[in-house]
Amino acid sequence: MCRQAGVSRAGFCRWRHAPPAVDADMDLRDEIQRIALESPCYGWRRVTAELRRRGWTANHKRVR
């Protein structure tokens, strides 16, 4: 199948096991920015709690 597509087997395996696109990370960053703009006095602890209230799962270290 790889020969038919003109790609190497190693390249196909690397593509197949590649991490997901950065889009999910960008969505999380956008949500953090929205929370920060809505409540500028919130620190990373409150932003993390607000993310959880809104249904996001994010580590406090990522928010910081």
Protein backbone atom coordinates (compact mmCIF):
# COMPACT_ATOMS: atom_id res chain seq x y z
CA MET A 1 0.00 0.00 0.00
CA CYS A 2 2.85 2.39 0.81
CA ARG A 3 4.48 1.61 -2.53
CA GLN A 4 1.20 2.43 -4.30
CA ALA A 5 0.99 5.76 -2.48
CA GLY A 6 4.66 6.51 -3.08
CA VAL A 7 5.64 6.93 0.59
CA SER A 8 8.08 5.04 2.76
CA ARG A 9 6.86 2.68 5.47
CA ALA A 10 8.75 4.65 8.10
CA GLY A 11 7.16 7.90 6.95
CA PHE A 12 3.70 6.33 7.08
CA CYS A 13 4.26 5.03 10.63
CA ARG A 14 5.59 8.42 11.72
CA TRP A 15 2.50 10.12 10.28
CA ARG A 16 0.16 7.57 11.85
CA HIS A 17 1.60 8.04 15.34
CA ALA A 18 2.01 11.81 15.10
CA PRO A 19 0.50 13.91 17.89
CA PRO A 20 -2.78 15.67 17.16
CA ALA A 21 -2.82 19.07 15.55
CA VAL A 22 -2.29 22.22 17.59
CA ASP A 23 -5.89 23.36 17.05
CA ALA A 24 -7.10 21.95 20.39
CA ASP A 25 -4.33 23.82 22.17
CA MET A 26 -5.27 27.03 20.39
CA ASP A 27 -8.91 26.64 21.46
CA LEU A 28 -7.79 26.30 25.07
CA ARG A 29 -5.59 29.39 24.76
CA ASP A 30 -8.49 31.34 23.30
CA GLU A 31 -10.71 30.35 26.20
CA ILE A 32 -8.02 31.38 28.72
CA GLN A 33 -7.74 34.74 26.97
CA ARG A 34 -11.53 35.23 27.12
CA ILE A 35 -11.57 34.50 30.85
CA ALA A 36 -8.64 36.84 31.44
CA LEU A 37 -10.36 39.64 29.53
CA GLU A 38 -13.68 39.11 31.32
CA SER A 39 -12.03 39.13 34.75
CA PRO A 40 -8.65 40.86 34.65
CA CYS A 41 -8.08 40.40 38.39
CA TYR A 42 -8.14 36.58 38.11
CA GLY A 43 -4.88 34.78 38.64
CA TRP A 44 -3.94 31.38 37.31
CA ARG A 45 -5.76 29.59 40.13
CA ARG A 46 -9.07 31.28 39.44
CA VAL A 47 -8.65 30.93 35.69
CA THR A 48 -8.06 27.19 36.15
CA ALA A 49 -11.18 26.90 38.31
CA GLU A 50 -13.23 28.86 35.77
CA LEU A 51 -12.01 26.61 32.95
CA ARG A 52 -13.19 23.58 34.91
CA ARG A 53 -16.57 25.23 35.50
CA ARG A 54 -16.86 25.77 31.75
CA GLY A 55 -16.08 22.12 31.01
CA TRP A 56 -12.41 22.30 30.01
CA THR A 57 -9.79 19.96 31.42
CA ALA A 58 -6.54 21.84 31.81
CA ASN A 59 -3.64 21.49 34.18
CA HIS A 60 -2.81 24.50 36.32
CA LYS A 61 0.71 24.49 34.91
CA ARG A 62 -0.64 24.91 31.38
CA VAL A 63 -2.77 27.86 32.49
CA ARG A 64 0.17 29.49 34.22
